[in-house]
Amino acid sequence: LELAQAQGFVTGDEVERRLSWTSGRAIDALD
């Protein structure tokens, strides 16, 4: 939610890159 404040949205790739998460962690949180 904090990351999304800049544009109002995020992408899965952005979450992985900016937060240094694995794909599974990002998808689980977004889902």
PDB file of all heavy atoms in Angstrom:
ATOM      1  N   LEU A   1       0.829  -1.205   0.000  1.00  0.00           N
ATOM      2  CA  LEU A   1       0.000   0.000   0.000  1.00  0.00           C
ATOM      3  C   LEU A   1       0.863   1.255   0.000  1.00  0.00           C
ATOM      4  O   LEU A   1       0.547   2.243  -0.671  1.00  0.00           O
ATOM      5  CB  LEU A   1      -0.935  -0.008   1.215  1.00  0.00           C
ATOM      6  CG  LEU A   1      -2.082  -1.017   1.181  1.00  0.00           C
ATOM      7  CD1 LEU A   1      -2.816  -1.040   2.515  1.00  0.00           C
ATOM      8  CD2 LEU A   1      -3.066  -0.679   0.058  1.00  0.00           C
ATOM      9  N   GLU A   2       1.957   1.218   0.759  1.00  0.00           N
ATOM     10  CA  GLU A   2       2.857   2.377   0.794  1.00  0.00           C
ATOM     11  C   GLU A   2       3.514   2.575  -0.570  1.00  0.00           C
ATOM     12  O   GLU A   2       3.664   3.711  -1.039  1.00  0.00           O
ATOM     13  CB  GLU A   2       3.922   2.170   1.871  1.00  0.00           C
ATOM     14  CG  GLU A   2       4.804   3.379   2.089  1.00  0.00           C
ATOM     15  CD  GLU A   2       5.729   3.233   3.282  1.00  0.00           C
ATOM     16  OE1 GLU A   2       5.623   2.214   4.003  1.00  0.00           O
ATOM     17  OE2 GLU A   2       6.583   4.128   3.482  1.00  0.00           O
ATOM     18  N   LEU A   3       3.894   1.477  -1.230  1.00  0.00           N
ATOM     19  CA  LEU A   3       4.502   1.558  -2.552  1.00  0.00           C
ATOM     20  C   LEU A   3       3.518   2.115  -3.582  1.00  0.00           C
ATOM     21  O   LEU A   3       3.893   2.869  -4.486  1.00  0.00           O
ATOM     22  CB  LEU A   3       4.974   0.164  -2.971  1.00  0.00           C
ATOM     23  CG  LEU A   3       5.727   0.036  -4.300  1.00  0.00           C
ATOM     24  CD1 LEU A   3       7.018   0.858  -4.261  1.00  0.00           C
ATOM     25  CD2 LEU A   3       6.043  -1.431  -4.586  1.00  0.00           C
ATOM     26  N   ALA A   4       2.239   1.763  -3.422  1.00  0.00           N
ATOM     27  CA  ALA A   4       1.209   2.182  -4.386  1.00  0.00           C
ATOM     28  C   ALA A   4       0.846   3.657  -4.261  1.00  0.00           C
ATOM     29  O   ALA A   4       0.180   4.203  -5.151  1.00  0.00           O
ATOM     30  CB  ALA A   4      -0.046   1.326  -4.209  1.00  0.00           C
ATOM     31  N   GLN A   5       1.272   4.303  -3.203  1.00  0.00           N
ATOM     32  CA  GLN A   5       0.884   5.703  -2.994  1.00  0.00           C
ATOM     33  C   GLN A   5       1.418   6.629  -4.079  1.00  0.00           C
ATOM     34  O   GLN A   5       0.824   7.670  -4.374  1.00  0.00           O
ATOM     35  CB  GLN A   5       1.370   6.186  -1.621  1.00  0.00           C
ATOM     36  CG  GLN A   5       0.611   5.574  -0.462  1.00  0.00           C
ATOM     37  CD  GLN A   5       1.097   6.082   0.886  1.00  0.00           C
ATOM     38  OE1 GLN A   5       1.782   7.089   0.953  1.00  0.00           O
ATOM     39  NE2 GLN A   5       0.736   5.387   1.943  1.00  0.00           N
ATOM     40  N   ALA A   6       2.522   6.257  -4.717  1.00  0.00           N
ATOM     41  CA  ALA A   6       3.123   7.127  -5.735  1.00  0.00           C
ATOM     42  C   ALA A   6       2.226   7.282  -6.956  1.00  0.00           C
ATOM     43  O   ALA A   6       2.055   8.390  -7.475  1.00  0.00           O
ATOM     44  CB  ALA A   6       4.488   6.573  -6.146  1.00  0.00           C
ATOM     45  N   GLN A   7       1.639   6.161  -7.433  1.00  0.00           N
ATOM     46  CA  GLN A   7       0.840   6.215  -8.655  1.00  0.00           C
ATOM     47  C   GLN A   7      -0.594   5.737  -8.471  1.00  0.00           C
ATOM     48  O   GLN A   7      -1.421   5.901  -9.372  1.00  0.00           O
ATOM     49  CB  GLN A   7       1.485   5.340  -9.748  1.00  0.00           C
ATOM     50  CG  GLN A   7       2.928   5.671 -10.047  1.00  0.00           C
ATOM     51  CD  GLN A   7       3.534   4.717 -11.063  1.00  0.00           C
ATOM     52  OE1 GLN A   7       3.416   4.938 -12.268  1.00  0.00           O
ATOM     53  NE2 GLN A   7       4.151   3.650 -10.578  1.00  0.00           N
ATOM     54  N   GLY A   8      -0.866   5.141  -7.325  1.00  0.00           N
ATOM     55  CA  GLY A   8      -2.198   4.576  -7.095  1.00  0.00           C
ATOM     56  C   GLY A   8      -2.272   3.111  -7.459  1.00  0.00           C
ATOM     57  O   GLY A   8      -3.286   2.461  -7.203  1.00  0.00           O
ATOM     58  N   PHE A   9      -1.193   2.575  -8.042  1.00  0.00           N
ATOM     59  CA  PHE A   9      -1.186   1.164  -8.434  1.00  0.00           C
ATOM     60  C   PHE A   9       0.231   0.610  -8.359  1.00  0.00           C
ATOM     61  O   PHE A   9       1.219   1.359  -8.253  1.00  0.00           O
ATOM     62  CB  PHE A   9      -1.728   0.994  -9.859  1.00  0.00           C
ATOM     63  CG  PHE A   9      -0.800   1.538 -10.930  1.00  0.00           C
ATOM     64  CD1 PHE A   9       0.201   0.746 -11.483  1.00  0.00           C
ATOM     65  CD2 PHE A   9      -0.924   2.847 -11.381  1.00  0.00           C
ATOM     66  CE1 PHE A   9       1.060   1.235 -12.457  1.00  0.00           C
ATOM     67  CE2 PHE A   9      -0.072   3.353 -12.353  1.00  0.00           C
ATOM     68  CZ  PHE A   9       0.938   2.538 -12.897  1.00  0.00           C
ATOM     69  N   VAL A  10       0.343  -0.715  -8.433  1.00  0.00           N
ATOM     70  CA  VAL A  10       1.643  -1.393  -8.527  1.00  0.00           C
ATOM     71  C   VAL A  10       1.500  -2.535  -9.521  1.00  0.00           C
ATOM     72  O   VAL A  10       0.386  -2.952  -9.865  1.00  0.00           O
ATOM     73  CB  VAL A  10       2.112  -1.961  -7.167  1.00  0.00           C
ATOM     74  CG1 VAL A  10       2.346  -0.847  -6.158  1.00  0.00           C
ATOM     75  CG2 VAL A  10       1.117  -2.983  -6.618  1.00  0.00           C
ATOM     76  N   THR A  11       2.628  -3.037  -9.981  1.00  0.00           N
ATOM     77  CA  THR A  11       2.654  -4.263 -10.774  1.00  0.00           C
ATOM     78  C   THR A  11       3.409  -5.316  -9.974  1.00  0.00           C
ATOM     79  O   THR A  11       4.169  -4.981  -9.045  1.00  0.00           O
ATOM     80  CB  THR A  11       3.359  -4.050 -12.128  1.00  0.00           C
ATOM     81  OG1 THR A  11       4.747  -3.736 -11.887  1.00  0.00           O
ATOM     82  CG2 THR A  11       2.700  -2.920 -12.903  1.00  0.00           C
ATOM     83  N   GLY A  12       3.208  -6.570 -10.344  1.00  0.00           N
ATOM     84  CA  GLY A  12       3.911  -7.637  -9.645  1.00  0.00           C
ATOM     85  C   GLY A  12       5.415  -7.484  -9.756  1.00  0.00           C
ATOM     86  O   GLY A  12       6.152  -7.656  -8.770  1.00  0.00           O
ATOM     87  N   ASP A  13       5.918  -7.141 -10.976  1.00  0.00           N
ATOM     88  CA  ASP A  13       7.359  -6.962 -11.178  1.00  0.00           C
ATOM     89  C   ASP A  13       7.896  -5.828 -10.315  1.00  0.00           C
ATOM     90  O   ASP A  13       8.998  -5.923  -9.765  1.00  0.00           O
ATOM     91  CB  ASP A  13       7.646  -6.652 -12.654  1.00  0.00           C
ATOM     92  CG  ASP A  13       7.405  -7.855 -13.550  1.00  0.00           C
ATOM     93  OD1 ASP A  13       7.337  -8.979 -13.019  1.00  0.00           O
ATOM     94  OD2 ASP A  13       7.264  -7.660 -14.780  1.00  0.00           O
ATOM     95  N   GLU A  14       7.108  -4.747 -10.196  1.00  0.00           N
ATOM     96  CA  GLU A  14       7.544  -3.604  -9.394  1.00  0.00           C
ATOM     97  C   GLU A  14       7.668  -3.978  -7.924  1.00  0.00           C
ATOM     98  O   GLU A  14       8.624  -3.585  -7.253  1.00  0.00           O
ATOM     99  CB  GLU A  14       6.554  -2.453  -9.566  1.00  0.00           C
ATOM    100  CG  GLU A  14       6.935  -1.190  -8.804  1.00  0.00           C
ATOM    101  CD  GLU A  14       5.875  -0.111  -8.910  1.00  0.00           C
ATOM    102  OE1 GLU A  14       4.746  -0.407  -9.379  1.00  0.00           O
ATOM    103  OE2 GLU A  14       6.162   1.026  -8.507  1.00  0.00           O
ATOM    104  N   VAL A  15       6.699  -4.737  -7.426  1.00  0.00           N
ATOM    105  CA  VAL A  15       6.737  -5.169  -6.025  1.00  0.00           C
ATOM    106  C   VAL A  15       7.979  -6.029  -5.768  1.00  0.00           C
ATOM    107  O   VAL A  15       8.692  -5.831  -4.777  1.00  0.00           O
ATOM    108  CB  VAL A  15       5.458  -5.958  -5.667  1.00  0.00           C
ATOM    109  CG1 VAL A  15       5.591  -6.593  -4.272  1.00  0.00           C
ATOM    110  CG2 VAL A  15       4.241  -5.046  -5.708  1.00  0.00           C
ATOM    111  N   GLU A  16       8.244  -6.963  -6.687  1.00  0.00           N
ATOM    112  CA  GLU A  16       9.416  -7.831  -6.531  1.00  0.00           C
ATOM    113  C   GLU A  16      10.707  -7.022  -6.546  1.00  0.00           C
ATOM    114  O   GLU A  16      11.603  -7.240  -5.718  1.00  0.00           O
ATOM    115  CB  GLU A  16       9.447  -8.873  -7.655  1.00  0.00           C
ATOM    116  CG  GLU A  16       8.302  -9.873  -7.600  1.00  0.00           C
ATOM    117  CD  GLU A  16       8.293 -10.778  -8.825  1.00  0.00           C
ATOM    118  OE1 GLU A  16       9.394 -11.109  -9.319  1.00  0.00           O
ATOM    119  OE2 GLU A  16       7.195 -11.147  -9.290  1.00  0.00           O
ATOM    120  N   ARG A  17      10.797  -6.073  -7.488  1.00  0.00           N
ATOM    121  CA  ARG A  17      12.034  -5.294  -7.648  1.00  0.00           C
ATOM    122  C   ARG A  17      12.239  -4.297  -6.516  1.00  0.00           C
ATOM    123  O   ARG A  17      13.319  -4.235  -5.918  1.00  0.00           O
ATOM    124  CB  ARG A  17      11.999  -4.560  -8.987  1.00  0.00           C
ATOM    125  CG  ARG A  17      13.301  -3.817  -9.305  1.00  0.00           C
ATOM    126  CD  ARG A  17      13.231  -3.076 -10.619  1.00  0.00           C
ATOM    127  NE  ARG A  17      12.349  -1.904 -10.575  1.00  0.00           N
ATOM    128  CZ  ARG A  17      11.123  -1.869 -11.063  1.00  0.00           C
ATOM    129  NH1 ARG A  17      10.594  -2.942 -11.630  1.00  0.00           N
ATOM    130  NH2 ARG A  17      10.388  -0.761 -10.975  1.00  0.00           N
ATOM    131  N   ARG A  18      11.200  -3.524  -6.204  1.00  0.00           N
ATOM    132  CA  ARG A  18      11.343  -2.439  -5.214  1.00  0.00           C
ATOM    133  C   ARG A  18      11.460  -2.968  -3.788  1.00  0.00           C
ATOM    134  O   ARG A  18      12.118  -2.344  -2.946  1.00  0.00           O
ATOM    135  CB  ARG A  18      10.144  -1.493  -5.321  1.00  0.00           C
ATOM    136  CG  ARG A  18      10.044  -0.762  -6.664  1.00  0.00           C
ATOM    137  CD  ARG A  18      11.015   0.411  -6.754  1.00  0.00           C
ATOM    138  NE  ARG A  18      10.735   1.409  -5.746  1.00  0.00           N
ATOM    139  CZ  ARG A  18       9.810   2.360  -5.862  1.00  0.00           C
ATOM    140  NH1 ARG A  18       9.087   2.429  -6.983  1.00  0.00           N
ATOM    141  NH2 ARG A  18       9.638   3.241  -4.915  1.00  0.00           N
ATOM    142  N   LEU A  19      10.803  -4.070  -3.506  1.00  0.00           N
ATOM    143  CA  LEU A  19      10.810  -4.600  -2.140  1.00  0.00           C
ATOM    144  C   LEU A  19      11.748  -5.796  -1.968  1.00  0.00           C
ATOM    145  O   LEU A  19      11.868  -6.324  -0.868  1.00  0.00           O
ATOM    146  CB  LEU A  19       9.382  -5.002  -1.734  1.00  0.00           C
ATOM    147  CG  LEU A  19       8.333  -3.887  -1.758  1.00  0.00           C
ATOM    148  CD1 LEU A  19       6.959  -4.425  -1.354  1.00  0.00           C
ATOM    149  CD2 LEU A  19       8.732  -2.738  -0.840  1.00  0.00           C
ATOM    150  N   SER A  20      12.388  -6.183  -3.074  1.00  0.00           N
ATOM    151  CA  SER A  20      13.324  -7.321  -3.049  1.00  0.00           C
ATOM    152  C   SER A  20      12.648  -8.602  -2.555  1.00  0.00           C
ATOM    153  O   SER A  20      13.174  -9.325  -1.710  1.00  0.00           O
ATOM    154  CB  SER A  20      14.548  -7.000  -2.170  1.00  0.00           C
ATOM    155  OG  SER A  20      15.246  -5.874  -2.663  1.00  0.00           O
ATOM    156  N   TRP A  21      11.463  -8.860  -3.094  1.00  0.00           N
ATOM    157  CA  TRP A  21      10.690 -10.045  -2.731  1.00  0.00           C
ATOM    158  C   TRP A  21      10.796 -11.097  -3.812  1.00  0.00           C
ATOM    159  O   TRP A  21      11.085 -10.804  -4.977  1.00  0.00           O
ATOM    160  CB  TRP A  21       9.214  -9.693  -2.553  1.00  0.00           C
ATOM    161  CG  TRP A  21       8.897  -8.883  -1.330  1.00  0.00           C
ATOM    162  CD1 TRP A  21       9.765  -8.414  -0.399  1.00  0.00           C
ATOM    163  CD2 TRP A  21       7.597  -8.437  -0.937  1.00  0.00           C
ATOM    164  NE1 TRP A  21       9.094  -7.703   0.560  1.00  0.00           N
ATOM    165  CE2 TRP A  21       7.763  -7.698   0.254  1.00  0.00           C
ATOM    166  CE3 TRP A  21       6.323  -8.577  -1.480  1.00  0.00           C
ATOM    167  CZ2 TRP A  21       6.700  -7.117   0.925  1.00  0.00           C
ATOM    168  CZ3 TRP A  21       5.259  -8.006  -0.820  1.00  0.00           C
ATOM    169  CH2 TRP A  21       5.431  -7.285   0.370  1.00  0.00           C
ATOM    170  N   THR A  22      10.481 -12.320  -3.421  1.00  0.00           N
ATOM    171  CA  THR A  22      10.351 -13.385  -4.400  1.00  0.00           C
ATOM    172  C   THR A  22       9.009 -13.237  -5.104  1.00  0.00           C
ATOM    173  O   THR A  22       8.097 -12.568  -4.602  1.00  0.00           O
ATOM    174  CB  THR A  22      10.418 -14.762  -3.736  1.00  0.00           C
ATOM    175  OG1 THR A  22       9.300 -14.898  -2.843  1.00  0.00           O
ATOM    176  CG2 THR A  22      11.719 -14.947  -2.956  1.00  0.00           C
ATOM    177  N   SER A  23       8.877 -13.887  -6.248  1.00  0.00           N
ATOM    178  CA  SER A  23       7.618 -13.822  -6.995  1.00  0.00           C
ATOM    179  C   SER A  23       6.470 -14.393  -6.174  1.00  0.00           C
ATOM    180  O   SER A  23       5.368 -13.828  -6.145  1.00  0.00           O
ATOM    181  CB  SER A  23       7.753 -14.595  -8.309  1.00  0.00           C
ATOM    182  OG  SER A  23       6.520 -14.639  -8.999  1.00  0.00           O
ATOM    183  N   GLY A  24       6.723 -15.478  -5.477  1.00  0.00           N
ATOM    184  CA  GLY A  24       5.672 -16.110  -4.671  1.00  0.00           C
ATOM    185  C   GLY A  24       5.171 -15.217  -3.556  1.00  0.00           C
ATOM    186  O   GLY A  24       3.963 -15.145  -3.303  1.00  0.00           O
ATOM    187  N   ARG A  25       6.094 -14.525  -2.908  1.00  0.00           N
ATOM    188  CA  ARG A  25       5.708 -13.628  -1.805  1.00  0.00           C
ATOM    189  C   ARG A  25       4.861 -12.475  -2.321  1.00  0.00           C
ATOM    190  O   ARG A  25       3.844 -12.107  -1.713  1.00  0.00           O
ATOM    191  CB  ARG A  25       6.957 -13.107  -1.108  1.00  0.00           C
ATOM    192  CG  ARG A  25       6.678 -12.177   0.069  1.00  0.00           C
ATOM    193  CD  ARG A  25       7.986 -11.743   0.726  1.00  0.00           C
ATOM    194  NE  ARG A  25       7.748 -10.857   1.862  1.00  0.00           N
ATOM    195  CZ  ARG A  25       8.731 -10.316   2.591  1.00  0.00           C
ATOM    196  NH1 ARG A  25      10.004 -10.589   2.308  1.00  0.00           N
ATOM    197  NH2 ARG A  25       8.441  -9.514   3.608  1.00  0.00           N
ATOM    198  N   ALA A  26       5.261 -11.900  -3.460  1.00  0.00           N
ATOM    199  CA  ALA A  26       4.519 -10.773  -4.041  1.00  0.00           C
ATOM    200  C   ALA A  26       3.118 -11.209  -4.465  1.00  0.00           C
ATOM    201  O   ALA A  26       2.125 -10.525  -4.168  1.00  0.00           O
ATOM    202  CB  ALA A  26       5.283 -10.211  -5.226  1.00  0.00           C
ATOM    203  N   ILE A  27       3.014 -12.330  -5.154  1.00  0.00           N
ATOM    204  CA  ILE A  27       1.722 -12.820  -5.631  1.00  0.00           C
ATOM    205  C   ILE A  27       0.800 -13.150  -4.464  1.00  0.00           C
ATOM    206  O   ILE A  27      -0.398 -12.830  -4.487  1.00  0.00           O
ATOM    207  CB  ILE A  27       1.911 -14.063  -6.534  1.00  0.00           C
ATOM    208  CG1 ILE A  27       2.596 -13.661  -7.837  1.00  0.00           C
ATOM    209  CG2 ILE A  27       0.559 -14.731  -6.831  1.00  0.00           C
ATOM    210  CD1 ILE A  27       2.973 -14.839  -8.721  1.00  0.00           C
ATOM    211  N   ASP A  28       1.343 -13.770  -3.434  1.00  0.00           N
ATOM    212  CA  ASP A  28       0.536 -14.135  -2.270  1.00  0.00           C
ATOM    213  C   ASP A  28      -0.060 -12.898  -1.607  1.00  0.00           C
ATOM    214  O   ASP A  28      -1.251 -12.858  -1.283  1.00  0.00           O
ATOM    215  CB  ASP A  28       1.401 -14.905  -1.258  1.00  0.00           C
ATOM    216  CG  ASP A  28       0.606 -15.323  -0.035  1.00  0.00           C
ATOM    217  OD1 ASP A  28      -0.313 -16.152  -0.161  1.00  0.00           O
ATOM    218  OD2 ASP A  28       0.901 -14.801   1.066  1.00  0.00           O
ATOM    219  N   ALA A  29       0.763 -11.858  -1.408  1.00  0.00           N
ATOM    220  CA  ALA A  29       0.281 -10.629  -0.760  1.00  0.00           C
ATOM    221  C   ALA A  29      -0.736  -9.907  -1.640  1.00  0.00           C
ATOM    222  O   ALA A  29      -1.774  -9.435  -1.152  1.00  0.00           O
ATOM    223  CB  ALA A  29       1.457  -9.709  -0.442  1.00  0.00           C
ATOM    224  N   LEU A  30      -0.465  -9.836  -2.941  1.00  0.00           N
ATOM    225  CA  LEU A  30      -1.385  -9.155  -3.860  1.00  0.00           C
ATOM    226  C   LEU A  30      -2.712  -9.904  -3.973  1.00  0.00           C
ATOM    227  O   LEU A  30      -3.783  -9.276  -4.009  1.00  0.00           O
ATOM    228  CB  LEU A  30      -0.739  -9.017  -5.234  1.00  0.00           C
ATOM    229  CG  LEU A  30       0.402  -7.999  -5.338  1.00  0.00           C
ATOM    230  CD1 LEU A  30       1.162  -8.159  -6.646  1.00  0.00           C
ATOM    231  CD2 LEU A  30      -0.134  -6.572  -5.202  1.00  0.00           C
ATOM    232  N   ASP A  31      -2.651 -11.227  -4.010  1.00  0.00           N
ATOM    233  CA  ASP A  31      -3.883 -12.019  -4.079  1.00  0.00           C
ATOM    234  C   ASP A  31      -4.738 -11.827  -2.833  1.00  0.00           C
ATOM    235  O   ASP A  31      -5.974 -11.762  -2.906  1.00  0.00           O
ATOM    236  CB  ASP A  31      -3.555 -13.509  -4.260  1.00  0.00           C
ATOM    237  CG  ASP A  31      -3.143 -13.845  -5.686  1.00  0.00           C
ATOM    238  OD1 ASP A  31      -3.340 -12.986  -6.562  1.00  0.00           O
ATOM    239  OD2 ASP A  31      -2.621 -14.958  -5.900  1.00  0.00           O
TER     240      ASP A  31
END
